[in-house]
Amino acid sequence: VTQAKKEIVVIKGNTDTKVYNGTEQTVTGFEVISNPANAVVTLAADKAATASGTNVGKYFMRLTAADFTATSPNYEQVEVQYTDGLLEITPVTDEIIVTITGNHDTKVYNGSEQSVTGYTTDVGDKAINVALKEGHTAEAKGTDVDIYPMGLTAADFTVTSDNYSNITVVVIDGYLEITPVTDEITVTVTG
């Protein structure tokens, strides 16, 4: 009985596409696509057919044909051809609302200019970047008794994320309120 010289076993790592959810996601395993040699296929003990990731992007198993062994009693040589497995995480397409709130403060009139600066967001632990555009400020200032708005709008901010593709920005303007002095003031008039 003459044995054939070489046979090819085709292996493909599993692939999956998942929507970003803020936690680590995984795809595991591989599939033998073609095995005409009826070979026994094994993955090296120190390797894992696993691809994991959290943020939007492509995550490969990083395996090669050399990581597999294919043996058959019917062939002197069994060659492995391998296509790497892949996890692709895509952005959330549902609308995400990001609320930006300008800081506010109430101060008592003191005859000098007073101010309040800054803002907060409800982004929390979501991977969303919120920044004032260059040349824009989140500041309200004034001297006399009155309410001084910051004048913030969504156009003042850049809001970006690789993980969310449909972001709506809502801005609640900040303000400084200067109130009258309530302490009793004695005025002496001399005639």
Protein backbone atom coordinates (compact mmCIF):
# COMPACT_ATOMS: atom_id res chain seq x y z
CA VAL A 1 0.00 0.00 0.00
CA THR A 2 1.44 3.34 -1.07
CA GLN A 3 0.68 6.36 1.04
CA ALA A 4 -0.03 9.73 -0.58
CA LYS A 5 2.68 12.28 0.11
CA LYS A 6 0.67 15.20 1.49
CA GLU A 7 -2.87 16.31 2.30
CA ILE A 8 -4.23 19.71 3.37
CA VAL A 9 -6.54 20.34 6.31
CA VAL A 10 -8.31 23.74 6.28
CA ILE A 11 -9.15 25.30 9.65
CA LYS A 12 -10.95 28.56 10.34
CA GLY A 13 -11.17 30.37 13.69
CA ASN A 14 -14.71 31.28 14.68
CA THR A 15 -15.84 34.83 14.03
CA ASP A 16 -18.61 36.93 15.51
CA THR A 17 -19.87 40.51 15.40
CA LYS A 18 -21.30 41.97 18.58
CA VAL A 19 -22.63 45.41 19.52
CA TYR A 20 -20.69 47.34 22.16
CA ASN A 21 -22.18 46.82 25.63
CA GLY A 22 -19.49 48.20 27.95
CA THR A 23 -18.24 44.77 29.08
CA GLU A 24 -15.67 42.35 27.71
CA GLN A 25 -17.07 40.14 24.97
CA THR A 26 -15.53 36.97 23.54
CA VAL A 27 -15.59 34.56 20.62
CA THR A 28 -13.99 31.13 21.03
CA GLY A 29 -13.23 28.00 19.08
CA PHE A 30 -12.40 26.98 15.54
CA GLU A 31 -13.92 24.85 12.81
CA VAL A 32 -12.27 22.29 10.56
CA ILE A 33 -13.59 23.33 7.14
CA SER A 34 -11.97 20.61 5.04
CA ASN A 35 -10.31 17.42 6.28
CA PRO A 36 -9.96 14.96 3.40
CA ALA A 37 -7.24 13.12 5.32
CA ASN A 38 -9.55 12.44 8.26
CA ALA A 39 -6.74 13.84 10.36
CA VAL A 40 -6.88 14.41 14.10
CA VAL A 41 -6.55 18.17 14.64
CA THR A 42 -5.23 19.59 17.91
CA LEU A 43 -4.34 23.08 19.09
CA ALA A 44 -1.06 23.54 20.96
CA ALA A 45 -1.57 23.27 24.74
CA ASP A 46 -0.21 26.77 25.38
CA LYS A 47 -2.57 28.40 22.85
CA ALA A 48 -6.25 29.35 23.06
CA ALA A 49 -8.72 29.91 20.24
CA THR A 50 -10.11 33.01 21.90
CA ALA A 51 -10.56 36.64 20.86
CA SER A 52 -11.77 39.13 23.48
CA GLY A 53 -12.40 42.86 23.55
CA THR A 54 -14.45 45.59 25.17
CA ASN A 55 -14.44 48.66 22.92
CA VAL A 56 -15.40 49.04 19.27
CA GLY A 57 -12.81 47.40 17.03
CA LYS A 58 -11.50 44.11 15.64
CA TYR A 59 -9.91 41.56 17.96
CA PHE A 60 -8.08 38.58 16.44
CA MET A 61 -7.28 35.23 18.04
CA ARG A 62 -3.67 35.69 16.85
CA LEU A 63 -3.20 32.05 15.94
CA THR A 64 -1.30 30.66 12.94
CA ALA A 65 -1.20 27.31 11.15
CA ALA A 66 1.92 26.48 13.21
CA ASP A 67 -0.24 26.49 16.37
CA PHE A 68 -2.13 23.40 15.09
CA THR A 69 -1.12 19.79 14.65
CA ALA A 70 -2.91 17.52 12.18
CA THR A 71 -1.99 13.83 12.00
CA SER A 72 -3.38 11.02 9.91
CA PRO A 73 -2.36 7.36 9.64
CA ASN A 74 -3.14 7.57 5.91
CA TYR A 75 -0.72 10.36 4.96
CA GLU A 76 2.96 10.97 5.56
CA GLN A 77 2.40 14.71 5.80
CA VAL A 78 -0.68 16.73 6.65
CA GLU A 79 -0.43 20.48 6.07
CA VAL A 80 -2.64 22.91 7.98
CA GLN A 81 -4.04 26.06 6.39
CA TYR A 82 -5.57 28.41 8.94
CA THR A 83 -7.66 31.58 8.78
CA ASP A 84 -7.60 33.49 12.05
CA GLY A 85 -10.71 33.94 14.18
CA LEU A 86 -12.10 37.37 14.81
CA LEU A 87 -14.37 39.26 17.19
CA GLU A 88 -15.66 42.54 15.78
CA ILE A 89 -17.38 44.93 18.16
CA THR A 90 -19.56 47.55 16.46
CA PRO A 91 -20.90 50.86 17.84
CA VAL A 92 -24.26 51.20 19.53
CA THR A 93 -26.63 52.72 16.96
CA ASP A 94 -29.49 53.48 19.37
CA GLU A 95 -29.74 57.13 20.36
CA ILE A 96 -27.66 58.07 23.40
CA ILE A 97 -28.50 61.37 25.08
CA VAL A 98 -25.62 63.21 26.75
CA THR A 99 -26.69 66.02 29.08
CA ILE A 100 -24.18 68.80 29.76
CA THR A 101 -25.03 71.08 32.68
CA GLY A 102 -23.27 74.39 33.18
CA ASN A 103 -22.28 75.04 36.77
CA HIS A 104 -24.28 77.62 38.71
CA ASP A 105 -23.69 79.57 41.86
CA THR A 106 -25.38 82.21 43.97
CA LYS A 107 -23.19 84.91 45.49
CA VAL A 108 -23.93 88.01 47.54
CA TYR A 109 -23.12 91.38 45.99
CA ASN A 110 -19.68 92.59 47.11
CA GLY A 111 -18.93 95.41 44.67
CA SER A 112 -16.38 93.31 42.71
CA GLU A 113 -16.74 91.10 39.66
CA GLN A 114 -17.62 87.51 40.59
CA SER A 115 -17.80 84.40 38.40
CA VAL A 116 -18.66 80.74 38.09
CA THR A 117 -16.99 78.36 35.61
CA GLY A 118 -17.21 74.78 34.37
CA TYR A 119 -19.79 72.16 33.60
CA THR A 120 -20.70 68.55 34.41
CA THR A 121 -21.97 65.70 32.24
CA ASP A 122 -24.01 62.57 32.81
CA VAL A 123 -21.56 60.44 30.81
CA GLY A 124 -20.52 58.45 33.89
CA ASP A 125 -18.38 55.45 32.93
CA LYS A 126 -19.44 55.46 29.26
CA ALA A 127 -16.55 55.89 26.82
CA ILE A 128 -17.77 59.28 25.57
CA ASN A 129 -15.52 62.33 25.31
CA VAL A 130 -17.03 65.76 26.02
CA ALA A 131 -14.95 68.89 25.45
CA LEU A 132 -15.49 72.58 24.89
CA LYS A 133 -14.56 73.62 21.38
CA GLU A 134 -11.51 75.83 21.04
CA GLY A 135 -12.34 79.45 21.78
CA HIS A 136 -15.50 78.58 23.76
CA THR A 137 -15.82 78.95 27.52
CA ALA A 138 -18.17 77.80 30.25
CA GLU A 139 -18.15 80.95 32.34
CA ALA A 140 -20.63 83.44 33.73
CA LYS A 141 -19.49 86.63 35.44
CA GLY A 142 -20.95 89.85 36.73
CA THR A 143 -20.74 92.56 39.36
CA ASP A 144 -24.24 93.91 40.07
CA VAL A 145 -27.30 92.11 41.42
CA ASP A 146 -28.67 90.05 38.53
CA ILE A 147 -28.60 86.60 36.90
CA TYR A 148 -25.76 86.12 34.41
CA PRO A 149 -26.13 83.11 32.06
CA MET A 150 -23.15 81.32 30.53
CA GLY A 151 -24.95 81.13 27.20
CA LEU A 152 -23.93 77.50 26.56
CA THR A 153 -25.40 75.59 23.61
CA ALA A 154 -24.69 72.20 22.04
CA ALA A 155 -22.66 74.02 19.37
CA ASP A 156 -20.09 74.94 22.05
CA PHE A 157 -19.13 71.29 22.62
CA THR A 158 -17.51 68.40 20.78
CA VAL A 159 -18.95 65.07 21.90
CA THR A 160 -17.35 61.93 20.43
CA SER A 161 -17.21 58.20 21.00
CA ASP A 162 -16.00 55.17 19.09
CA ASN A 163 -18.60 53.09 20.92
CA TYR A 164 -21.72 55.17 20.24
CA SER A 165 -22.63 56.38 16.77
CA ASN A 166 -25.88 58.26 17.50
CA ILE A 167 -25.26 60.86 20.23
CA THR A 168 -27.71 63.67 20.95
CA VAL A 169 -26.44 66.52 23.12
CA VAL A 170 -28.71 68.38 25.55
CA VAL A 171 -27.29 71.47 27.28
CA ILE A 172 -28.63 73.03 30.47
CA ASP A 173 -27.09 76.47 30.70
CA GLY A 174 -25.05 77.51 33.72
CA TYR A 175 -25.47 80.84 35.48
CA LEU A 176 -24.25 83.14 38.19
CA GLU A 177 -26.84 84.79 40.41
CA ILE A 178 -25.74 87.80 42.41
CA THR A 179 -28.13 88.65 45.24
CA PRO A 180 -28.47 91.84 47.28
CA VAL A 181 -26.69 92.30 50.58
CA THR A 182 -29.21 91.48 53.33
CA ASP A 183 -27.22 92.73 56.30
CA GLU A 184 -28.51 95.94 57.83
CA ILE A 185 -26.60 98.92 56.56
CA THR A 186 -26.40 102.11 58.57
CA VAL A 187 -26.22 105.26 56.55
CA THR A 188 -25.32 108.46 58.37
CA VAL A 189 -26.36 111.72 56.77
CA THR A 190 -24.85 114.87 58.15
CA GLY A 191 -26.53 118.10 57.31
